PDB file of N, CA and C in Angstrom:
ATOM      1  N   MET A   1     -13.356   5.261   5.613  1.00  0.00           N
ATOM      2  CA  MET A   1     -12.341   4.639   5.006  1.00  0.00           C
ATOM      3  C   MET A   1     -12.898   5.390   3.600  1.00  0.00           C
ATOM      4  N   ILE A   2     -11.743   5.934   2.901  1.00  0.00           N
ATOM      5  CA  ILE A   2     -11.941   6.194   1.696  1.00  0.00           C
ATOM      6  C   ILE A   2     -10.871   5.416   0.532  1.00  0.00           C
ATOM      7  N   GLN A   3     -10.873   5.323  -0.708  1.00  0.00           N
ATOM      8  CA  GLN A   3     -10.292   4.968  -1.688  1.00  0.00           C
ATOM      9  C   GLN A   3      -9.486   5.690  -2.343  1.00  0.00           C
ATOM     10  N   GLU A   4      -8.354   5.282  -2.484  1.00  0.00           N
ATOM     11  CA  GLU A   4      -7.726   6.212  -3.461  1.00  0.00           C
ATOM     12  C   GLU A   4      -7.878   5.798  -4.995  1.00  0.00           C
ATOM     13  N   VAL A   5      -7.830   6.140  -5.814  1.00  0.00           N
ATOM     14  CA  VAL A   5      -8.288   5.315  -7.419  1.00  0.00           C
ATOM     15  C   VAL A   5      -7.246   6.540  -8.214  1.00  0.00           C
ATOM     16  N   ALA A   6      -6.273   5.290  -9.261  1.00  0.00           N
ATOM     17  CA  ALA A   6      -5.394   6.249  -9.528  1.00  0.00           C
ATOM     18  C   ALA A   6      -5.091   5.445 -11.544  1.00  0.00           C
ATOM     19  N   ILE A   7      -5.598   5.483 -12.306  1.00  0.00           N
ATOM     20  CA  ILE A   7      -5.158   5.236 -13.337  1.00  0.00           C
ATOM     21  C   ILE A   7      -3.736   5.419 -13.982  1.00  0.00           C
ATOM     22  N   LEU A   8      -2.949   4.215 -14.292  1.00  0.00           N
ATOM     23  CA  LEU A   8      -1.412   4.517 -14.606  1.00  0.00           C
ATOM     24  C   LEU A   8      -1.273   4.115 -15.902  1.00  0.00           C
ATOM     25  N   LYS A   9      -1.194   5.003 -16.573  1.00  0.00           N
ATOM     26  CA  LYS A   9      -0.152   4.614 -18.279  1.00  0.00           C
ATOM     27  C   LYS A   9       1.117   4.617 -18.033  1.00  0.00           C
ATOM     28  N   ILE A  10       1.694   3.726 -18.360  1.00  0.00           N
ATOM     29  CA  ILE A  10       3.129   3.052 -18.051  1.00  0.00           C
ATOM     30  C   ILE A  10       3.778   3.229 -19.617  1.00  0.00           C
ATOM     31  N   LYS A  11       5.170   4.303 -19.969  1.00  0.00           N
ATOM     32  CA  LYS A  11       5.358   3.772 -21.117  1.00  0.00           C
ATOM     33  C   LYS A  11       5.645   3.057 -21.856  1.00  0.00           C
ATOM     34  N   PRO A  12       5.784   2.676 -22.799  1.00  0.00           N
ATOM     35  CA  PRO A  12       5.943   1.529 -23.997  1.00  0.00           C
ATOM     36  C   PRO A  12       7.130   0.894 -23.500  1.00  0.00           C
ATOM     37  N   ASN A  13       7.060  -1.120 -23.412  1.00  0.00           N
ATOM     38  CA  ASN A  13       8.219  -1.532 -23.201  1.00  0.00           C
ATOM     39  C   ASN A  13       8.473  -1.865 -21.671  1.00  0.00           C
ATOM     40  N   ARG A  14       7.634  -1.079 -20.629  1.00  0.00           N
ATOM     41  CA  ARG A  14       8.578  -0.794 -19.338  1.00  0.00           C
ATOM     42  C   ARG A  14       7.488  -1.303 -18.385  1.00  0.00           C
ATOM     43  N   ASN A  15       7.075  -2.405 -18.870  1.00  0.00           N
ATOM     44  CA  ASN A  15       5.534  -2.998 -17.759  1.00  0.00           C
ATOM     45  C   ASN A  15       6.311  -3.605 -16.806  1.00  0.00           C
ATOM     46  N   GLN A  16       7.643  -4.265 -17.355  1.00  0.00           N
ATOM     47  CA  GLN A  16       7.992  -5.844 -16.504  1.00  0.00           C
ATOM     48  C   GLN A  16       9.064  -5.017 -15.294  1.00  0.00           C
ATOM     49  N   GLU A  17       9.448  -3.680 -15.484  1.00  0.00           N
ATOM     50  CA  GLU A  17      10.263  -2.921 -14.684  1.00  0.00           C
ATOM     51  C   GLU A  17       9.279  -2.158 -13.847  1.00  0.00           C
ATOM     52  N   PHE A  18       8.031  -1.692 -14.129  1.00  0.00           N
ATOM     53  CA  PHE A  18       7.241  -1.232 -13.755  1.00  0.00           C
ATOM     54  C   PHE A  18       6.671  -2.071 -12.525  1.00  0.00           C
ATOM     55  N   GLU A  19       6.218  -3.094 -12.991  1.00  0.00           N
ATOM     56  CA  GLU A  19       5.851  -3.624 -11.588  1.00  0.00           C
ATOM     57  C   GLU A  19       6.884  -4.646 -10.524  1.00  0.00           C
ATOM     58  N   ALA A  20       8.001  -4.524 -11.089  1.00  0.00           N
ATOM     59  CA  ALA A  20       9.308  -5.146 -10.203  1.00  0.00           C
ATOM     60  C   ALA A  20       9.382  -3.549  -8.976  1.00  0.00           C
ATOM     61  N   ALA A  21       9.257  -2.380  -9.390  1.00  0.00           N
ATOM     62  CA  ALA A  21       9.566  -1.431  -8.708  1.00  0.00           C
ATOM     63  C   ALA A  21       8.342  -1.504  -8.408  1.00  0.00           C
ATOM     64  N   PHE A  22       6.913  -1.544  -8.719  1.00  0.00           N
ATOM     65  CA  PHE A  22       5.908  -1.635  -7.635  1.00  0.00           C
ATOM     66  C   PHE A  22       5.628  -2.308  -6.434  1.00  0.00           C
ATOM     67  N   GLN A  23       6.515  -3.768  -6.318  1.00  0.00           N
ATOM     68  CA  GLN A  23       6.343  -4.663  -5.816  1.00  0.00           C
ATOM     69  C   GLN A  23       7.091  -4.036  -4.627  1.00  0.00           C
ATOM     70  N   GLU A  24       8.562  -3.631  -4.716  1.00  0.00           N
ATOM     71  CA  GLU A  24       9.299  -2.754  -3.873  1.00  0.00           C
ATOM     72  C   GLU A  24       8.546  -1.735  -3.159  1.00  0.00           C
ATOM     73  N   ALA A  25       8.037  -0.634  -3.817  1.00  0.00           N
ATOM     74  CA  ALA A  25       7.617   0.776  -3.410  1.00  0.00           C
ATOM     75  C   ALA A  25       6.172   0.295  -2.816  1.00  0.00           C
ATOM     76  N   SER A  26       6.004  -1.394  -2.808  1.00  0.00           N
ATOM     77  CA  SER A  26       4.190  -1.591  -2.020  1.00  0.00           C
ATOM     78  C   SER A  26       4.711  -2.010  -0.394  1.00  0.00           C
ATOM     79  N   ALA A  27       6.306  -1.970  -0.028  1.00  0.00           N
ATOM     80  CA  ALA A  27       6.414  -2.403   1.422  1.00  0.00           C
ATOM     81  C   ALA A  27       6.197  -0.966   1.822  1.00  0.00           C
ATOM     82  N   ILE A  28       6.625   0.143   0.926  1.00  0.00           N
ATOM     83  CA  ILE A  28       6.715   1.738   1.482  1.00  0.00           C
ATOM     84  C   ILE A  28       5.019   2.079   1.572  1.00  0.00           C
ATOM     85  N   ILE A  29       4.541   2.033   0.907  1.00  0.00           N
ATOM     86  CA  ILE A  29       2.731   2.180   1.302  1.00  0.00           C
ATOM     87  C   ILE A  29       2.610   1.778   2.118  1.00  0.00           C
ATOM     88  N   ALA A  30       2.202   0.649   2.670  1.00  0.00           N
ATOM     89  CA  ALA A  30       1.823  -0.481   3.150  1.00  0.00           C
ATOM     90  C   ALA A  30       2.714  -0.192   4.841  1.00  0.00           C
ATOM     91  N   SER A  31       3.621   0.101   4.896  1.00  0.00           N
ATOM     92  CA  SER A  31       4.425   1.029   6.477  1.00  0.00           C
ATOM     93  C   SER A  31       3.639   1.923   6.904  1.00  0.00           C
ATOM     94  N   MET A  32       2.706   2.898   5.943  1.00  0.00           N
ATOM     95  CA  MET A  32       1.860   4.468   6.381  1.00  0.00           C
ATOM     96  C   MET A  32       1.033   4.224   7.013  1.00  0.00           C
ATOM     97  N   PRO A  33       1.658   5.105   7.770  1.00  0.00           N
ATOM     98  CA  PRO A  33      -0.324   5.253   8.857  1.00  0.00           C
ATOM     99  C   PRO A  33      -1.608   5.472   8.146  1.00  0.00           C
ATOM    100  N   GLY A  34      -2.638   4.982   9.082  1.00  0.00           N
ATOM    101  CA  GLY A  34      -3.630   4.687   7.953  1.00  0.00           C
ATOM    102  C   GLY A  34      -3.922   4.152   6.980  1.00  0.00           C
ATOM    103  N   TYR A  35      -2.612   3.298   6.550  1.00  0.00           N
ATOM    104  CA  TYR A  35      -2.995   2.343   5.576  1.00  0.00           C
ATOM    105  C   TYR A  35      -3.831   1.133   5.923  1.00  0.00           C
ATOM    106  N   ILE A  36      -4.405   0.594   4.931  1.00  0.00           N
ATOM    107  CA  ILE A  36      -5.543  -0.526   4.720  1.00  0.00           C
ATOM    108  C   ILE A  36      -5.460  -1.363   3.744  1.00  0.00           C
ATOM    109  N   SER A  37      -5.231  -0.985   3.060  1.00  0.00           N
ATOM    110  CA  SER A  37      -4.716  -2.414   1.846  1.00  0.00           C
ATOM    111  C   SER A  37      -4.376  -1.510   0.347  1.00  0.00           C
ATOM    112  N   HIS A  38      -4.183  -2.414  -0.653  1.00  0.00           N
ATOM    113  CA  HIS A  38      -3.781  -1.504  -2.020  1.00  0.00           C
ATOM    114  C   HIS A  38      -3.639  -3.318  -2.974  1.00  0.00           C
ATOM    115  N   SER A  39      -4.495  -2.606  -3.952  1.00  0.00           N
ATOM    116  CA  SER A  39      -4.042  -3.613  -4.687  1.00  0.00           C
ATOM    117  C   SER A  39      -3.476  -2.540  -6.333  1.00  0.00           C
ATOM    118  N   LEU A  40      -2.783  -3.671  -7.305  1.00  0.00           N
ATOM    119  CA  LEU A  40      -2.620  -3.095  -8.720  1.00  0.00           C
ATOM    120  C   LEU A  40      -3.166  -3.962  -9.849  1.00  0.00           C
ATOM    121  N   GLN A  41      -3.665  -3.555 -10.487  1.00  0.00           N
ATOM    122  CA  GLN A  41      -4.571  -4.306 -11.388  1.00  0.00           C
ATOM    123  C   GLN A  41      -3.814  -3.906 -13.219  1.00  0.00           C
ATOM    124  N   LYS A  42      -3.932  -5.007 -14.061  1.00  0.00           N
ATOM    125  CA  LYS A  42      -3.476  -4.724 -15.547  1.00  0.00           C
ATOM    126  C   LYS A  42      -4.529  -4.826 -16.133  1.00  0.00           C
ATOM    127  N   CYS A  43      -5.176  -3.768 -16.730  1.00  0.00           N
ATOM    128  CA  CYS A  43      -5.637  -3.992 -17.978  1.00  0.00           C
ATOM    129  C   CYS A  43      -6.036  -4.675 -18.893  1.00  0.00           C
ATOM    130  N   ILE A  44      -6.710  -5.254 -19.247  1.00  0.00           N
ATOM    131  CA  ILE A  44      -6.714  -6.116 -20.278  1.00  0.00           C
ATOM    132  C   ILE A  44      -7.117  -5.444 -21.483  1.00  0.00           C
ATOM    133  N   GLU A  45      -7.524  -4.752 -21.811  1.00  0.00           N
ATOM    134  CA  GLU A  45      -7.676  -3.998 -23.317  1.00  0.00           C
ATOM    135  C   GLU A  45      -6.859  -2.937 -23.403  1.00  0.00           C
ATOM    136  N   VAL A  46      -6.194  -2.775 -22.645  1.00  0.00           N
ATOM    137  CA  VAL A  46      -5.678  -1.063 -22.832  1.00  0.00           C
ATOM    138  C   VAL A  46      -3.980  -1.654 -22.471  1.00  0.00           C
ATOM    139  N   GLU A  47      -3.341  -1.543 -23.799  1.00  0.00           N
ATOM    140  CA  GLU A  47      -1.433  -2.383 -23.332  1.00  0.00           C
ATOM    141  C   GLU A  47      -1.183  -0.986 -22.243  1.00  0.00           C
ATOM    142  N   ASN A  48      -0.253  -1.464 -21.687  1.00  0.00           N
ATOM    143  CA  ASN A  48       0.294  -0.531 -20.533  1.00  0.00           C
ATOM    144  C   ASN A  48      -0.689   0.577 -19.745  1.00  0.00           C
ATOM    145  N   GLN A  49      -1.564   0.004 -19.571  1.00  0.00           N
ATOM    146  CA  GLN A  49      -2.357   0.404 -18.590  1.00  0.00           C
ATOM    147  C   GLN A  49      -2.599  -0.194 -17.173  1.00  0.00           C
ATOM    148  N   TYR A  50      -2.757   0.341 -16.011  1.00  0.00           N
ATOM    149  CA  TYR A  50      -2.938  -0.301 -14.741  1.00  0.00           C
ATOM    150  C   TYR A  50      -3.564   0.570 -14.464  1.00  0.00           C
ATOM    151  N   LEU A  51      -4.532  -0.225 -12.508  1.00  0.00           N
ATOM    152  CA  LEU A  51      -5.420   0.684 -12.007  1.00  0.00           C
ATOM    153  C   LEU A  51      -4.981   0.218 -10.550  1.00  0.00           C
ATOM    154  N   LEU A  52      -4.684   1.225  -9.632  1.00  0.00           N
ATOM    155  CA  LEU A  52      -4.287   0.863  -8.724  1.00  0.00           C
ATOM    156  C   LEU A  52      -5.284   1.682  -7.228  1.00  0.00           C
ATOM    157  N   LEU A  53      -5.456   0.360  -6.699  1.00  0.00           N
ATOM    158  CA  LEU A  53      -6.451   0.968  -5.732  1.00  0.00           C
ATOM    159  C   LEU A  53      -5.864   1.202  -4.501  1.00  0.00           C
ATOM    160  N   VAL A  54      -6.102   2.045  -3.722  1.00  0.00           N
ATOM    161  CA  VAL A  54      -5.703   2.166  -1.922  1.00  0.00           C
ATOM    162  C   VAL A  54      -6.423   2.542  -1.127  1.00  0.00           C
ATOM    163  N   ASN A  55      -7.076   1.875  -0.095  1.00  0.00           N
ATOM    164  CA  ASN A  55      -7.591   2.117   1.108  1.00  0.00           C
ATOM    165  C   ASN A  55      -6.862   2.438   2.257  1.00  0.00           C
ATOM    166  N   TRP A  56      -7.499   3.757   2.407  1.00  0.00           N
ATOM    167  CA  TRP A  56      -6.769   4.675   3.646  1.00  0.00           C
ATOM    168  C   TRP A  56      -8.114   5.051   4.798  1.00  0.00           C
ATOM    169  N   GLN A  57      -7.629   5.083   5.877  1.00  0.00           N
ATOM    170  CA  GLN A  57      -8.622   5.131   6.667  1.00  0.00           C
ATOM    171  C   GLN A  57      -8.964   6.360   6.969  1.00  0.00           C
ATOM    172  N   THR A  58      -8.542   7.670   6.464  1.00  0.00           N
ATOM    173  CA  THR A  58      -8.733   8.988   5.876  1.00  0.00           C
ATOM    174  C   THR A  58      -8.233   9.435   5.068  1.00  0.00           C
ATOM    175  N   LEU A  59      -8.715  10.632   4.093  1.00  0.00           N
ATOM    176  CA  LEU A  59      -8.269  10.908   3.486  1.00  0.00           C
ATOM    177  C   LEU A  59      -6.629  11.793   3.730  1.00  0.00           C
ATOM    178  N   GLU A  60      -6.828  12.377   5.191  1.00  0.00           N
ATOM    179  CA  GLU A  60      -5.245  12.908   5.388  1.00  0.00           C
ATOM    180  C   GLU A  60      -4.487  11.600   5.586  1.00  0.00           C
ATOM    181  N   ASP A  61      -4.597  10.965   5.671  1.00  0.00           N
ATOM    182  CA  ASP A  61      -3.560   9.944   5.883  1.00  0.00           C
ATOM    183  C   ASP A  61      -2.864   9.913   5.086  1.00  0.00           C
ATOM    184  N   HIS A  62      -3.821   9.672   3.371  1.00  0.00           N
ATOM    185  CA  HIS A  62      -2.718   9.772   2.111  1.00  0.00           C
ATOM    186  C   HIS A  62      -2.139  11.205   1.577  1.00  0.00           C
ATOM    187  N   ILE A  63      -2.692  12.378   1.529  1.00  0.00           N
ATOM    188  CA  ILE A  63      -2.742  13.548   1.397  1.00  0.00           C
ATOM    189  C   ILE A  63      -1.444  14.007   2.043  1.00  0.00           C
ATOM    190  N   VAL A  64      -2.002  13.915   3.682  1.00  0.00           N
ATOM    191  CA  VAL A  64      -0.827  14.479   4.715  1.00  0.00           C
ATOM    192  C   VAL A  64       0.073  13.897   4.798  1.00  0.00           C
ATOM    193  N   CYS A  65      -0.264  12.366   5.338  1.00  0.00           N
ATOM    194  CA  CYS A  65       0.801  11.387   6.304  1.00  0.00           C
ATOM    195  C   CYS A  65       1.266  10.470   5.453  1.00  0.00           C
ATOM    196  N   PHE A  66       1.451  10.708   4.014  1.00  0.00           N
ATOM    197  CA  PHE A  66       1.864   9.878   3.010  1.00  0.00           C
ATOM    198  C   PHE A  66       2.609  10.972   2.059  1.00  0.00           C
ATOM    199  N   ARG A  67       2.195  11.849   1.310  1.00  0.00           N
ATOM    200  CA  ARG A  67       2.571  12.232   0.435  1.00  0.00           C
ATOM    201  C   ARG A  67       3.831  13.214   0.779  1.00  0.00           C
ATOM    202  N   ARG A  68       3.148  13.938   2.499  1.00  0.00           N
ATOM    203  CA  ARG A  68       4.405  14.733   3.237  1.00  0.00           C
ATOM    204  C   ARG A  68       5.757  13.957   3.652  1.00  0.00           C
ATOM    205  N   SER A  69       5.284  12.633   3.114  1.00  0.00           N
ATOM    206  CA  SER A  69       6.668  12.304   4.430  1.00  0.00           C
ATOM    207  C   SER A  69       7.927  11.930   3.363  1.00  0.00           C
ATOM    208  N   GLN A  70       8.871  11.746   3.998  1.00  0.00           N
ATOM    209  CA  GLN A  70      10.211  11.441   3.361  1.00  0.00           C
ATOM    210  C   GLN A  70      10.071  10.111   2.469  1.00  0.00           C
ATOM    211  N   LYS A  71       9.184   8.910   3.520  1.00  0.00           N
ATOM    212  CA  LYS A  71       9.130   7.490   2.297  1.00  0.00           C
ATOM    213  C   LYS A  71       8.230   8.007   0.983  1.00  0.00           C
ATOM    214  N   TYR A  72       7.553   8.966   1.066  1.00  0.00           N
ATOM    215  CA  TYR A  72       6.849   9.171  -0.720  1.00  0.00           C
ATOM    216  C   TYR A  72       7.993   9.828  -1.531  1.00  0.00           C
ATOM    217  N   GLN A  73       8.713   9.978  -1.087  1.00  0.00           N
ATOM    218  CA  GLN A  73      10.559  10.540  -1.945  1.00  0.00           C
ATOM    219  C   GLN A  73      10.771   9.426  -2.786  1.00  0.00           C
ATOM    220  N   THR A  74      10.948   8.203  -1.619  1.00  0.00           N
ATOM    221  CA  THR A  74      11.500   6.947  -2.336  1.00  0.00           C
ATOM    222  C   THR A  74      10.113   6.344  -3.151  1.00  0.00           C
ATOM    223  N   TRP A  75       8.978   6.403  -2.794  1.00  0.00           N
ATOM    224  CA  TRP A  75       7.931   5.893  -3.955  1.00  0.00           C
ATOM    225  C   TRP A  75       7.519   6.755  -5.141  1.00  0.00           C
ATOM    226  N   LYS A  76       8.383   7.810  -5.168  1.00  0.00           N
ATOM    227  CA  LYS A  76       8.627   8.549  -6.249  1.00  0.00           C
ATOM    228  C   LYS A  76       9.481   8.537  -6.938  1.00  0.00           C
ATOM    229  N   GLU A  77      10.711   8.166  -6.360  1.00  0.00           N
ATOM    230  CA  GLU A  77      11.999   7.828  -7.116  1.00  0.00           C
ATOM    231  C   GLU A  77      11.553   6.563  -7.774  1.00  0.00           C
ATOM    232  N   LEU A  78      11.161   5.729  -7.678  1.00  0.00           N
ATOM    233  CA  LEU A  78      10.954   4.376  -8.081  1.00  0.00           C
ATOM    234  C   LEU A  78       9.852   3.997  -8.724  1.00  0.00           C
ATOM    235  N   LEU A  79       9.006   5.455  -8.929  1.00  0.00           N
ATOM    236  CA  LEU A  79       7.876   4.790  -9.603  1.00  0.00           C
ATOM    237  C   LEU A  79       7.461   5.548 -10.640  1.00  0.00           C
ATOM    238  N   HIS A  80       7.741   7.123  -9.970  1.00  0.00           N
ATOM    239  CA  HIS A  80       7.185   8.276 -11.274  1.00  0.00           C
ATOM    240  C   HIS A  80       7.679   8.393 -12.597  1.00  0.00           C
ATOM    241  N   HIS A  81       9.177   7.888 -12.826  1.00  0.00           N
ATOM    242  CA  HIS A  81       9.379   7.893 -14.512  1.00  0.00           C
ATOM    243  C   HIS A  81       8.458   6.949 -15.036  1.00  0.00           C
ATOM    244  N   PHE A  82       7.590   5.968 -14.570  1.00  0.00           N
ATOM    245  CA  PHE A  82       7.279   5.123 -15.490  1.00  0.00           C
ATOM    246  C   PHE A  82       6.023   5.853 -16.078  1.00  0.00           C
ATOM    247  N   TYR A  83       5.680   6.650 -15.305  1.00  0.00           N
ATOM    248  CA  TYR A  83       4.384   7.274 -16.223  1.00  0.00           C
ATOM    249  C   TYR A  83       4.143   8.333 -17.387  1.00  0.00           C
ATOM    250  N   ASP A  84       2.923   7.573 -17.820  1.00  0.00           N
ATOM    251  CA  ASP A  84       3.152   8.835 -19.631  1.00  0.00           C
ATOM    252  C   ASP A  84       1.637   8.907 -20.162  1.00  0.00           C
ATOM    253  N   PRO A  85       1.028   9.678 -19.606  1.00  0.00           N
ATOM    254  CA  PRO A  85       1.202  10.693 -18.893  1.00  0.00           C
ATOM    255  C   PRO A  85       1.101  10.837 -17.137  1.00  0.00           C
ATOM    256  N   PHE A  86       1.970  12.013 -16.225  1.00  0.00           N
ATOM    257  CA  PHE A  86       1.149  11.434 -14.657  1.00  0.00           C
ATOM    258  C   PHE A  86      -0.509  11.690 -14.400  1.00  0.00           C
ATOM    259  N   PRO A  87      -0.693  10.288 -13.754  1.00  0.00           N
ATOM    260  CA  PRO A  87      -1.672   9.797 -13.498  1.00  0.00           C
ATOM    261  C   PRO A  87      -2.515  11.258 -12.480  1.00  0.00           C
ATOM    262  N   THR A  88      -4.111  11.107 -13.108  1.00  0.00           N
ATOM    263  CA  THR A  88      -4.725  11.799 -11.766  1.00  0.00           C
ATOM    264  C   THR A  88      -4.991  10.945 -10.775  1.00  0.00           C
ATOM    265  N   VAL A  89      -5.118  11.443  -9.401  1.00  0.00           N
ATOM    266  CA  VAL A  89      -5.653  10.422  -8.465  1.00  0.00           C
ATOM    267  C   VAL A  89      -6.766  11.372  -7.700  1.00  0.00           C
ATOM    268  N   GLU A  90      -7.746  10.244  -7.504  1.00  0.00           N
ATOM    269  CA  GLU A  90      -8.909  10.918  -6.860  1.00  0.00           C
ATOM    270  C   GLU A  90      -9.421  10.040  -5.873  1.00  0.00           C
ATOM    271  N   HIS A  91     -10.246  10.015  -4.648  1.00  0.00           N
ATOM    272  CA  HIS A  91     -10.628   9.541  -3.769  1.00  0.00           C
ATOM    273  C   HIS A  91     -12.265   9.385  -3.642  1.00  0.00           C
ATOM    274  N   TYR A  92     -12.216   7.930  -3.150  1.00  0.00           N
ATOM    275  CA  TYR A  92     -14.115   8.031  -3.097  1.00  0.00           C
ATOM    276  C   TYR A  92     -14.420   7.540  -1.834  1.00  0.00           C
ATOM    277  N   GLU A  93     -15.666   7.610  -1.456  1.00  0.00           N
ATOM    278  CA  GLU A  93     -16.014   7.198  -0.260  1.00  0.00           C
ATOM    279  C   GLU A  93     -17.400   6.286  -0.615  1.00  0.00           C
ATOM    280  N   ARG A  94     -17.320   5.228   0.319  1.00  0.00           N
ATOM    281  CA  ARG A  94     -18.471   4.257   0.002  1.00  0.00           C
ATOM    282  C   ARG A  94     -19.788   5.130   0.420  1.00  0.00           C
ATOM    283  N   VAL A  95     -20.840   4.651  -0.740  1.00  0.00           N
ATOM    284  CA  VAL A  95     -22.280   5.415  -0.449  1.00  0.00           C
ATOM    285  C   VAL A  95     -22.775   4.377   0.514  1.00  0.00           C
ATOM    286  N   PHE A  96     -23.265   2.811  -0.062  1.00  0.00           N
ATOM    287  CA  PHE A  96     -23.471   1.801   0.626  1.00  0.00           C
ATOM    288  C   PHE A  96     -23.013   0.411   0.041  1.00  0.00           C
TER     289      PHE A  96
END
């Protein structure tokens, strides 16, 4: 299992819109091959910042199966216009 990690900085005054769009987008990611689970957490200290954690069976499930899919295009349309700046996405694997 790998974990996708992204810190999402949302444009000011767009949090409620973003959260509603993310709820819709959640069904997209949850339907993908290799998907295990995900969570979205709002930062307490930094306004307009969220942490997205997605667990995938393999890195390829995220990079190839999801990002090259037609469903990813819908994900982008729903969410990418909220980000400023665009987030860096990193992947982690459990050490112990």
